[in-house]
């Protein structure tokens, strides 16, 4: 087997006998430059060729330090809502009770108390 016209040594690949299975090891592929490369395999009755494309590995995603899940924010929001409810309840219980004055009755109007 050859890659770009150079012989591919047995230490850089694995060949399965009796078939066209050639496994090129990743250590060898890492040595190839980015772009297209030709592979040629010679058999007793002819030659097979193929092309492979070597692409750049994607850049690793930088860590931003943001590891909180949405559940953390939902929990904090619920906690704050509960605290606000308690504060409003305390304020409402401390507020002075106002007596509701009854509206003056019109002449001849009956109320429930009169019945």
Protein backbone atom coordinates (compact mmCIF):
# COMPACT_ATOMS: atom_id res chain seq x y z
CA UNK A 1 0.00 0.00 0.00
CA UNK A 2 1.15 3.55 -0.75
CA UNK A 3 0.03 6.98 0.44
CA UNK A 4 0.87 9.84 -1.95
CA UNK A 5 3.35 7.54 -3.73
CA UNK A 6 5.27 6.60 -0.56
CA UNK A 7 5.17 3.06 0.80
CA UNK A 8 2.98 2.60 3.87
CA UNK A 9 4.89 0.50 6.42
CA UNK A 10 3.24 -2.33 8.32
CA UNK A 11 3.65 -0.42 11.60
CA UNK A 12 1.33 2.34 10.31
CA UNK A 13 -1.50 0.12 9.10
CA UNK A 14 -3.32 -3.16 9.53
CA UNK A 15 -4.24 -5.36 6.55
CA UNK A 16 -6.96 -7.99 6.63
CA UNK A 17 -5.94 -11.04 4.51
CA UNK A 18 -8.08 -12.00 1.52
CA UNK A 19 -10.00 -8.75 1.29
CA UNK A 20 -9.66 -5.05 0.61
CA UNK A 21 -9.68 -3.88 4.24
CA UNK A 22 -6.85 -1.52 5.10
CA UNK A 23 -6.89 0.22 8.46
CA UNK A 24 -4.50 3.16 8.69
CA UNK A 25 -3.52 3.95 12.27
CA UNK A 26 -4.41 7.35 13.68
CA UNK A 27 -0.79 8.04 14.67
CA UNK A 28 0.15 7.94 10.96
CA UNK A 29 -2.88 9.99 9.91
CA UNK A 30 -1.82 12.68 12.40
CA UNK A 31 1.44 13.07 10.45
CA UNK A 32 -0.37 13.89 7.18
CA UNK A 33 -0.98 17.50 6.20
CA UNK A 34 -4.45 18.96 5.84
CA UNK A 35 -5.99 18.26 2.44
CA UNK A 36 -6.47 15.40 -0.03
CA UNK A 37 -4.18 12.35 -0.10
CA UNK A 38 -4.12 9.41 -2.54
CA UNK A 39 -4.02 5.82 -1.35
CA UNK A 40 -2.92 3.04 -3.72
CA UNK A 41 -3.17 -0.66 -2.96
CA UNK A 42 -1.54 -3.14 -5.36
CA UNK A 43 -2.91 -6.66 -5.77
CA UNK A 44 -1.69 -9.58 -7.92
CA UNK A 45 -4.36 -8.80 -10.50
CA UNK A 46 -4.40 -4.98 -10.41
CA UNK A 47 -4.35 -1.77 -8.41
CA UNK A 48 -7.04 -0.02 -6.36
CA UNK A 49 -6.88 3.71 -5.62
CA UNK A 50 -8.82 5.94 -3.28
CA UNK A 51 -8.58 9.48 -1.95
CA UNK A 52 -8.91 10.57 1.65
CA UNK A 53 -9.31 14.08 3.00
CA UNK A 54 -7.53 15.18 6.17
CA UNK A 55 -9.32 18.07 7.92
CA UNK A 56 -8.21 20.20 10.83
CA UNK A 57 -9.46 19.09 14.20
CA UNK A 58 -12.07 21.47 15.58
CA UNK A 59 -10.79 23.93 18.16
CA UNK A 60 -11.74 22.98 21.70
CA UNK A 61 -14.55 25.01 23.24
CA UNK A 62 -13.13 27.25 25.98
CA UNK A 63 -14.56 26.85 29.44
CA UNK A 64 -16.47 29.91 30.56
CA UNK A 65 -16.84 28.93 34.19
CA UNK A 66 -20.60 28.75 33.78
CA UNK A 67 -21.58 25.41 35.23
CA UNK A 68 -24.97 26.20 36.80
CA UNK A 69 -27.97 24.36 35.50
CA UNK A 70 -31.35 26.03 34.84
CA UNK A 71 -32.69 24.29 37.94
CA UNK A 72 -30.41 26.43 40.11
CA UNK A 73 -31.96 29.61 38.76
CA UNK A 74 -35.50 28.21 39.06
CA UNK A 75 -34.81 27.29 42.68
CA UNK A 76 -33.43 30.74 43.53
CA UNK A 77 -36.44 32.40 41.86
CA UNK A 78 -38.87 30.25 43.84
CA UNK A 79 -37.01 31.00 47.08
CA UNK A 80 -37.17 34.76 46.43
CA UNK A 81 -40.87 34.54 45.57
CA UNK A 82 -41.51 32.72 48.86
CA UNK A 83 -39.58 35.35 50.83
CA UNK A 84 -41.61 38.12 49.19
CA UNK A 85 -44.87 36.34 50.09
CA UNK A 86 -43.78 36.08 53.73
CA UNK A 87 -42.80 39.77 53.82
CA UNK A 88 -46.16 40.86 52.39
CA UNK A 89 -48.01 38.61 54.83
CA UNK A 90 -46.12 40.06 57.80
CA UNK A 91 -46.76 43.62 56.61
CA UNK A 92 -50.45 42.86 56.09
CA UNK A 93 -50.80 41.35 59.58
CA UNK A 94 -49.15 44.42 61.21
CA UNK A 95 -51.25 46.95 59.32
CA UNK A 96 -54.03 48.50 61.45
CA UNK A 97 -57.48 47.16 60.71
CA UNK A 98 -59.81 49.78 59.31
CA UNK A 99 -63.46 49.69 60.14
CA UNK A 100 -65.70 49.83 57.18
CA UNK A 101 -68.31 52.55 57.51
CA UNK A 102 -71.69 51.80 56.17
CA UNK A 103 -73.08 54.10 53.56
CA UNK A 104 -75.99 56.20 54.67
CA UNK A 105 -79.33 54.71 53.80
CA UNK A 106 -81.63 56.30 51.35
CA UNK A 107 -85.16 56.97 52.58
CA UNK A 108 -87.17 53.78 52.57
CA UNK A 109 -84.24 51.49 51.71
CA UNK A 110 -84.10 48.27 53.64
CA UNK A 111 -80.93 46.43 54.63
CA UNK A 112 -80.28 42.90 55.74
CA UNK A 113 -80.08 44.03 59.33
CA UNK A 114 -83.65 45.30 59.12
CA UNK A 115 -85.05 41.94 58.04
